[in-house]
C-alpha atoms as a PDB file:
ATOM      1  CA  UNK A   1     107.534  95.570 100.175  1.00  0.00           C
ATOM      2  CA  UNK A   2     103.718  96.011 100.905  1.00  0.00           C
ATOM      3  CA  UNK A   3     102.155  99.499 101.386  1.00  0.00           C
ATOM      4  CA  UNK A   4      99.492  97.662 103.299  1.00  0.00           C
ATOM      5  CA  UNK A   5     102.132  97.017 105.691  1.00  0.00           C
ATOM      6  CA  UNK A   6     103.256 100.450 106.632  1.00  0.00           C
ATOM      7  CA  UNK A   7     103.290 100.972 110.540  1.00  0.00           C
ATOM      8  CA  UNK A   8     101.337 104.738 109.394  1.00  0.00           C
ATOM      9  CA  UNK A   9      99.147 104.490 106.030  1.00  0.00           C
ATOM     10  CA  UNK A  10     101.015 107.760 104.676  1.00  0.00           C
ATOM     11  CA  UNK A  11     103.566 107.876 101.210  1.00  0.00           C
ATOM     12  CA  UNK A  12     105.198 110.988 100.578  1.00  0.00           C
ATOM     13  CA  UNK A  13     104.703 112.469  97.179  1.00  0.00           C
ATOM     14  CA  UNK A  14     107.355 113.143  95.143  1.00  0.00           C
ATOM     15  CA  UNK A  15     107.351 116.681  95.780  1.00  0.00           C
ATOM     16  CA  UNK A  16     110.437 117.479  92.891  1.00  0.00           C
ATOM     17  CA  UNK A  17     112.241 120.866  94.163  1.00  0.00           C
ATOM     18  CA  UNK A  18     111.152 120.146  97.743  1.00  0.00           C
ATOM     19  CA  UNK A  19     111.869 116.549  98.279  1.00  0.00           C
ATOM     20  CA  UNK A  20     115.409 116.181 100.030  1.00  0.00           C
ATOM     21  CA  UNK A  21     117.149 113.072 101.223  1.00  0.00           C
ATOM     22  CA  UNK A  22     115.969 114.427 105.253  1.00  0.00           C
ATOM     23  CA  UNK A  23     112.389 114.481 104.300  1.00  0.00           C
ATOM     24  CA  UNK A  24     111.929 111.111 102.892  1.00  0.00           C
ATOM     25  CA  UNK A  25     114.137 109.671 105.840  1.00  0.00           C
ATOM     26  CA  UNK A  26     112.002 111.313 108.612  1.00  0.00           C
ATOM     27  CA  UNK A  27     108.831 110.302 106.797  1.00  0.00           C
ATOM     28  CA  UNK A  28     110.253 106.526 106.742  1.00  0.00           C
ATOM     29  CA  UNK A  29     111.748 106.503 110.142  1.00  0.00           C
ATOM     30  CA  UNK A  30     108.550 107.405 111.314  1.00  0.00           C
ATOM     31  CA  UNK A  31     106.583 104.893 109.886  1.00  0.00           C
ATOM     32  CA  UNK A  32     105.353 106.136 106.615  1.00  0.00           C
ATOM     33  CA  UNK A  33     107.671 106.115 103.370  1.00  0.00           C
ATOM     34  CA  UNK A  34     109.459 108.719 102.063  1.00  0.00           C
ATOM     35  CA  UNK A  35     110.367 109.295  98.339  1.00  0.00           C
ATOM     36  CA  UNK A  36     112.671 111.182  95.841  1.00  0.00           C
ATOM     37  CA  UNK A  37     111.807 112.505  92.501  1.00  0.00           C
ATOM     38  CA  UNK A  38     114.288 111.074  90.374  1.00  0.00           C
ATOM     39  CA  UNK A  39     113.117 112.034  86.669  1.00  0.00           C
ATOM     40  CA  UNK A  40     115.506 115.306  86.313  1.00  0.00           C
ATOM     41  CA  UNK A  41     118.798 114.067  88.070  1.00  0.00           C
ATOM     42  CA  UNK A  42     121.952 113.310  86.752  1.00  0.00           C
ATOM     43  CA  UNK A  43     123.093 109.635  87.592  1.00  0.00           C
ATOM     44  CA  UNK A  44     125.624 110.423  89.868  1.00  0.00           C
ATOM     45  CA  UNK A  45     123.492 112.857  91.790  1.00  0.00           C
ATOM     46  CA  UNK A  46     121.027 110.195  92.057  1.00  0.00           C
ATOM     47  CA  UNK A  47     123.824 107.280  93.286  1.00  0.00           C
ATOM     48  CA  UNK A  48     124.560 109.512  96.192  1.00  0.00           C
ATOM     49  CA  UNK A  49     121.298 110.834  96.968  1.00  0.00           C
ATOM     50  CA  UNK A  50     120.023 106.867  97.430  1.00  0.00           C
ATOM     51  CA  UNK A  51     123.153 106.252  99.200  1.00  0.00           C
ATOM     52  CA  UNK A  52     122.499 109.001 101.691  1.00  0.00           C
ATOM     53  CA  UNK A  53     118.761 107.791 102.088  1.00  0.00           C
ATOM     54  CA  UNK A  54     119.836 103.985 102.792  1.00  0.00           C
ATOM     55  CA  UNK A  55     121.941 105.122 105.784  1.00  0.00           C
ATOM     56  CA  UNK A  56     119.853 107.338 107.109  1.00  0.00           C
ATOM     57  CA  UNK A  57     116.538 105.003 107.185  1.00  0.00           C
ATOM     58  CA  UNK A  58     116.634 100.946 106.981  1.00  0.00           C
ATOM     59  CA  UNK A  59     112.477 101.435 106.494  1.00  0.00           C
ATOM     60  CA  UNK A  60     111.004 101.348 102.670  1.00  0.00           C
ATOM     61  CA  UNK A  61     110.984 104.664 100.414  1.00  0.00           C
ATOM     62  CA  UNK A  62     110.199 104.580  97.005  1.00  0.00           C
ATOM     63  CA  UNK A  63     111.630 107.088  94.458  1.00  0.00           C
ATOM     64  CA  UNK A  64     109.696 108.365  91.099  1.00  0.00           C
ATOM     65  CA  UNK A  65     109.515 108.721  87.395  1.00  0.00           C
ATOM     66  CA  UNK A  66     107.422 111.066  85.279  1.00  0.00           C
ATOM     67  CA  UNK A  67     106.818 108.960  82.028  1.00  0.00           C
ATOM     68  CA  UNK A  68     106.179 112.084  80.127  1.00  0.00           C
ATOM     69  CA  UNK A  69     110.007 112.073  80.081  1.00  0.00           C
ATOM     70  CA  UNK A  70     112.978 109.734  79.217  1.00  0.00           C
ATOM     71  CA  UNK A  71     113.603 107.818  83.013  1.00  0.00           C
ATOM     72  CA  UNK A  72     117.113 107.902  81.939  1.00  0.00           C
ATOM     73  CA  UNK A  73     118.458 106.979  85.640  1.00  0.00           C
ATOM     74  CA  UNK A  74     116.068 104.065  85.918  1.00  0.00           C
ATOM     75  CA  UNK A  75     118.809 101.608  85.596  1.00  0.00           C
ATOM     76  CA  UNK A  76     120.889 103.041  87.770  1.00  0.00           C
ATOM     77  CA  UNK A  77     117.970 103.236  90.610  1.00  0.00           C
ATOM     78  CA  UNK A  78     117.087  99.187  90.057  1.00  0.00           C
ATOM     79  CA  UNK A  79     120.771  98.327  90.349  1.00  0.00           C
ATOM     80  CA  UNK A  80     121.160 100.391  93.722  1.00  0.00           C
ATOM     81  CA  UNK A  81     118.117  97.693  94.803  1.00  0.00           C
ATOM     82  CA  UNK A  82     115.623 100.732  96.241  1.00  0.00           C
ATOM     83  CA  UNK A  83     112.532  99.084  97.800  1.00  0.00           C
ATOM     84  CA  UNK A  84     110.028 100.385  95.204  1.00  0.00           C
ATOM     85  CA  UNK A  85     109.457 102.689  92.171  1.00  0.00           C
ATOM     86  CA  UNK A  86     106.532 104.144  91.063  1.00  0.00           C
ATOM     87  CA  UNK A  87     105.644 105.616  87.901  1.00  0.00           C
ATOM     88  CA  UNK A  88     103.394 108.723  86.916  1.00  0.00           C
ATOM     89  CA  UNK A  89     102.102 110.341  83.818  1.00  0.00           C
ATOM     90  CA  UNK A  90     102.525 107.214  81.780  1.00  0.00           C
ATOM     91  CA  UNK A  91     102.762 103.524  82.066  1.00  0.00           C
ATOM     92  CA  UNK A  92     105.440 101.134  80.708  1.00  0.00           C
ATOM     93  CA  UNK A  93     105.229  97.751  81.513  1.00  0.00           C
ATOM     94  CA  UNK A  94     108.953  96.976  80.881  1.00  0.00           C
ATOM     95  CA  UNK A  95     110.172  99.058  83.498  1.00  0.00           C
ATOM     96  CA  UNK A  96     107.386  97.494  85.768  1.00  0.00           C
ATOM     97  CA  UNK A  97     109.145  93.799  84.649  1.00  0.00           C
ATOM     98  CA  UNK A  98     112.442  95.548  85.212  1.00  0.00           C
ATOM     99  CA  UNK A  99     112.006  96.624  88.645  1.00  0.00           C
ATOM    100  CA  UNK A 100     110.417  92.794  89.284  1.00  0.00           C
ATOM    101  CA  UNK A 101     113.588  90.996  88.289  1.00  0.00           C
ATOM    102  CA  UNK A 102     115.362  93.126  91.277  1.00  0.00           C
ATOM    103  CA  UNK A 103     112.781  92.366  93.513  1.00  0.00           C
ATOM    104  CA  UNK A 104     111.899  95.871  93.583  1.00  0.00           C
ATOM    105  CA  UNK A 105     107.835  96.766  94.060  1.00  0.00           C
ATOM    106  CA  UNK A 106     106.339  99.273  91.210  1.00  0.00           C
ATOM    107  CA  UNK A 107     103.643 101.513  91.954  1.00  0.00           C
ATOM    108  CA  UNK A 108     101.946 103.324  88.749  1.00  0.00           C
ATOM    109  CA  UNK A 109     100.081 106.678  89.395  1.00  0.00           C
ATOM    110  CA  UNK A 110      96.822 106.616  87.485  1.00  0.00           C
ATOM    111  CA  UNK A 111      93.980 109.398  87.243  1.00  0.00           C
ATOM    112  CA  UNK A 112      91.349 106.712  85.716  1.00  0.00           C
ATOM    113  CA  UNK A 113      89.916 103.884  85.624  1.00  0.00           C
ATOM    114  CA  UNK A 114      90.720 102.858  82.063  1.00  0.00           C
ATOM    115  CA  UNK A 115      94.607 103.698  83.771  1.00  0.00           C
ATOM    116  CA  UNK A 116      93.855 101.561  87.023  1.00  0.00           C
ATOM    117  CA  UNK A 117      93.114  98.260  84.745  1.00  0.00           C
ATOM    118  CA  UNK A 118      96.322  98.691  82.709  1.00  0.00           C
ATOM    119  CA  UNK A 119      98.454  99.406  85.655  1.00  0.00           C
ATOM    120  CA  UNK A 120      97.004  96.020  87.288  1.00  0.00           C
ATOM    121  CA  UNK A 121      97.258  94.369  83.849  1.00  0.00           C
ATOM    122  CA  UNK A 122     100.730  95.416  83.930  1.00  0.00           C
ATOM    123  CA  UNK A 123     101.547  93.784  87.188  1.00  0.00           C
ATOM    124  CA  UNK A 124     101.940  96.769  89.202  1.00  0.00           C
ATOM    125  CA  UNK A 125     102.368  95.873  92.882  1.00  0.00           C
ATOM    126  CA  UNK A 126     100.171  98.788  94.064  1.00  0.00           C
ATOM    127  CA  UNK A 127      97.950 101.606  92.213  1.00  0.00           C
ATOM    128  CA  UNK A 128      98.227 105.490  93.238  1.00  0.00           C
ATOM    129  CA  UNK A 129      94.593 106.434  92.868  1.00  0.00           C
ATOM    130  CA  UNK A 130      95.109 110.725  92.058  1.00  0.00           C
ATOM    131  CA  UNK A 131      91.840 112.845  92.335  1.00  0.00           C
ATOM    132  CA  UNK A 132      91.917 116.248  90.172  1.00  0.00           C
ATOM    133  CA  UNK A 133      92.489 117.989  93.978  1.00  0.00           C
ATOM    134  CA  UNK A 134      96.139 117.223  93.854  1.00  0.00           C
ATOM    135  CA  UNK A 135      98.283 119.941  94.125  1.00  0.00           C
ATOM    136  CA  UNK A 136     101.198 120.323  91.710  1.00  0.00           C
ATOM    137  CA  UNK A 137     100.939 118.477  88.055  1.00  0.00           C
ATOM    138  CA  UNK A 138      97.252 116.959  88.278  1.00  0.00           C
ATOM    139  CA  UNK A 139      97.508 113.558  86.120  1.00  0.00           C
ATOM    140  CA  UNK A 140      93.401 113.378  86.607  1.00  0.00           C
ATOM    141  CA  UNK A 141      90.532 115.046  85.501  1.00  0.00           C
ATOM    142  CA  UNK A 142      88.103 113.263  87.947  1.00  0.00           C
ATOM    143  CA  UNK A 143      87.116 113.987  91.823  1.00  0.00           C
ATOM    144  CA  UNK A 144      88.789 111.930  94.452  1.00  0.00           C
ATOM    145  CA  UNK A 145      85.141 110.787  95.670  1.00  0.00           C
ATOM    146  CA  UNK A 146      84.205 109.696  92.383  1.00  0.00           C
ATOM    147  CA  UNK A 147      87.216 107.928  91.133  1.00  0.00           C
ATOM    148  CA  UNK A 148      88.307 105.829  94.152  1.00  0.00           C
ATOM    149  CA  UNK A 149      85.411 103.762  94.738  1.00  0.00           C
ATOM    150  CA  UNK A 150      85.577 102.598  91.084  1.00  0.00           C
ATOM    151  CA  UNK A 151      89.639 101.788  91.400  1.00  0.00           C
ATOM    152  CA  UNK A 152      89.013  99.982  94.583  1.00  0.00           C
ATOM    153  CA  UNK A 153      86.225  97.731  93.123  1.00  0.00           C
ATOM    154  CA  UNK A 154      88.352  97.256  89.846  1.00  0.00           C
ATOM    155  CA  UNK A 155      91.628  96.284  91.886  1.00  0.00           C
ATOM    156  CA  UNK A 156      90.121  93.304  93.476  1.00  0.00           C
ATOM    157  CA  UNK A 157      93.049  92.997  96.405  1.00  0.00           C
ATOM    158  CA  UNK A 158      95.833  95.538  94.640  1.00  0.00           C
ATOM    159  CA  UNK A 159      96.727  97.806  97.344  1.00  0.00           C
ATOM    160  CA  UNK A 160      95.530 101.088  96.354  1.00  0.00           C
ATOM    161  CA  UNK A 161      96.853 104.269  97.205  1.00  0.00           C
ATOM    162  CA  UNK A 162      94.546 107.354  97.509  1.00  0.00           C
ATOM    163  CA  UNK A 163      95.752 110.633  96.341  1.00  0.00           C
ATOM    164  CA  UNK A 164      94.624 114.489  95.978  1.00  0.00           C
ATOM    165  CA  UNK A 165      93.347 116.941  98.094  1.00  0.00           C
ATOM    166  CA  UNK A 166      94.028 115.129 101.391  1.00  0.00           C
ATOM    167  CA  UNK A 167      95.392 116.900 104.162  1.00  0.00           C
ATOM    168  CA  UNK A 168      94.259 115.614 108.055  1.00  0.00           C
ATOM    169  CA  UNK A 169      93.047 112.509 109.794  1.00  0.00           C
ATOM    170  CA  UNK A 170      89.692 112.513 108.939  1.00  0.00           C
ATOM    171  CA  UNK A 171      90.725 112.603 105.022  1.00  0.00           C
ATOM    172  CA  UNK A 172      92.730 109.667 105.652  1.00  0.00           C
ATOM    173  CA  UNK A 173      90.208 107.814 107.591  1.00  0.00           C
ATOM    174  CA  UNK A 174      87.622 108.401 104.677  1.00  0.00           C
ATOM    175  CA  UNK A 175      89.903 106.729 102.429  1.00  0.00           C
ATOM    176  CA  UNK A 176      90.422 103.848 104.143  1.00  0.00           C
ATOM    177  CA  UNK A 177      87.085 103.826 104.571  1.00  0.00           C
ATOM    178  CA  UNK A 178      86.387 103.598 100.855  1.00  0.00           C
ATOM    179  CA  UNK A 179      89.027 100.488 100.730  1.00  0.00           C
ATOM    180  CA  UNK A 180      92.039 102.138 100.052  1.00  0.00           C
ATOM    181  CA  UNK A 181      95.194 100.780 101.577  1.00  0.00           C
ATOM    182  CA  UNK A 182      97.356 104.385 102.259  1.00  0.00           C
ATOM    183  CA  UNK A 183      97.168 107.572 101.515  1.00  0.00           C
ATOM    184  CA  UNK A 184      99.914 109.891  99.536  1.00  0.00           C
ATOM    185  CA  UNK A 185     100.741 113.503 100.473  1.00  0.00           C
ATOM    186  CA  UNK A 186     102.815 116.013  99.118  1.00  0.00           C
ATOM    187  CA  UNK A 187     101.441 119.645  99.624  1.00  0.00           C
ATOM    188  CA  UNK A 188     101.050 118.332 103.243  1.00  0.00           C
ATOM    189  CA  UNK A 189     105.065 118.108 103.664  1.00  0.00           C
ATOM    190  CA  UNK A 190     106.220 121.154 101.805  1.00  0.00           C
ATOM    191  CA  UNK A 191     106.125 123.407 104.557  1.00  0.00           C
ATOM    192  CA  UNK A 192     108.131 121.154 106.873  1.00  0.00           C
ATOM    193  CA  UNK A 193     111.426 121.685 108.101  1.00  0.00           C
ATOM    194  CA  UNK A 194     113.029 119.007 106.160  1.00  0.00           C
ATOM    195  CA  UNK A 195     111.602 120.263 103.001  1.00  0.00           C
ATOM    196  CA  UNK A 196     113.970 121.899 100.736  1.00  0.00           C
ATOM    197  CA  UNK A 197     111.127 124.541  99.274  1.00  0.00           C
ATOM    198  CA  UNK A 198     111.909 128.143 100.044  1.00  0.00           C
ATOM    199  CA  UNK A 199     110.713 130.077 102.992  1.00  0.00           C
ATOM    200  CA  UNK A 200     108.789 132.174 100.935  1.00  0.00           C
ATOM    201  CA  UNK A 201     106.872 128.879  99.548  1.00  0.00           C
ATOM    202  CA  UNK A 202     106.516 127.249 102.748  1.00  0.00           C
ATOM    203  CA  UNK A 203     105.054 130.204 104.226  1.00  0.00           C
ATOM    204  CA  UNK A 204     102.241 130.542 101.305  1.00  0.00           C
ATOM    205  CA  UNK A 205     101.485 126.967 101.559  1.00  0.00           C
ATOM    206  CA  UNK A 206     100.657 127.762 105.414  1.00  0.00           C
ATOM    207  CA  UNK A 207      98.797 130.165 104.771  1.00  0.00           C
ATOM    208  CA  UNK A 208      96.428 129.132 102.015  1.00  0.00           C
ATOM    209  CA  UNK A 209      93.144 127.964 102.288  1.00  0.00           C
ATOM    210  CA  UNK A 210      91.839 125.309  99.484  1.00  0.00           C
ATOM    211  CA  UNK A 211      89.785 128.249  97.740  1.00  0.00           C
ATOM    212  CA  UNK A 212      93.502 130.058  97.251  1.00  0.00           C
ATOM    213  CA  UNK A 213      94.480 127.461  94.798  1.00  0.00           C
ATOM    214  CA  UNK A 214      94.076 127.214  91.009  1.00  0.00           C
ATOM    215  CA  UNK A 215      93.799 124.274  88.353  1.00  0.00           C
ATOM    216  CA  UNK A 216      95.460 125.481  85.515  1.00  0.00           C
ATOM    217  CA  UNK A 217      98.033 125.163  82.409  1.00  0.00           C
ATOM    218  CA  UNK A 218      99.708 128.576  83.144  1.00  0.00           C
ATOM    219  CA  UNK A 219     103.023 127.232  84.079  1.00  0.00           C
ATOM    220  CA  UNK A 220     104.096 124.009  82.408  1.00  0.00           C
ATOM    221  CA  UNK A 221     107.239 125.246  81.104  1.00  0.00           C
ATOM    222  CA  UNK A 222     108.356 122.319  79.228  1.00  0.00           C
ATOM    223  CA  UNK A 223     105.843 120.130  79.958  1.00  0.00           C
ATOM    224  CA  UNK A 224     103.402 121.063  77.554  1.00  0.00           C
ATOM    225  CA  UNK A 225      99.847 120.694  78.839  1.00  0.00           C
ATOM    226  CA  UNK A 226     100.466 119.649  81.882  1.00  0.00           C
ATOM    227  CA  UNK A 227      97.579 120.310  84.222  1.00  0.00           C
ATOM    228  CA  UNK A 228      98.797 121.743  87.371  1.00  0.00           C
ATOM    229  CA  UNK A 229      97.155 123.011  90.723  1.00  0.00           C
ATOM    230  CA  UNK A 230      98.870 126.264  92.512  1.00  0.00           C
ATOM    231  CA  UNK A 231      98.258 129.261  94.862  1.00  0.00           C
END
């Protein structure tokens, strides 16, 4: 699985709580790459969701693990033969190697040049370069316009997926011109019919403007000091 070969260079961010099998399937079947967030899912539920997605699409998709928490269903996911896994909020060369043993591609989300360098050194098949403009949990502290060119130069051919504040075709065109192979969109998919988000949440996203968001630590819950952007 190579993100550079997608018909439509768009990956769906793993928007936990809003992503569904139906959303992931719709995006993959349209030529992009859907995803499922697996960090907080029980093994039996993970197996059922992946089986349903494998039935709903024959196109590539990926599952995500937030390494600020234990990736407890990683082995379950790998054994099911998903096309790709992604790791965010941490890096783990052992998990990348484990995925590769099952011919599963591995991507790593980074928010710095140093993170990208380590991910590539650990054998990542693609790197997700996130800027501070991202919605939801924000791993980066650097604007995408500053970080992306540096990561592209460092990558030397490893595909780069740009993420953070990207919403329309002009944004996508810009990051591709900077050398990225694809983009990752999350907020853009929250208000879709297939999304599992609450209707009031969807309406708030549709009505909001960029200036209505805040970068904050106010709602970190059981994830201390995890910066995030919300309305």
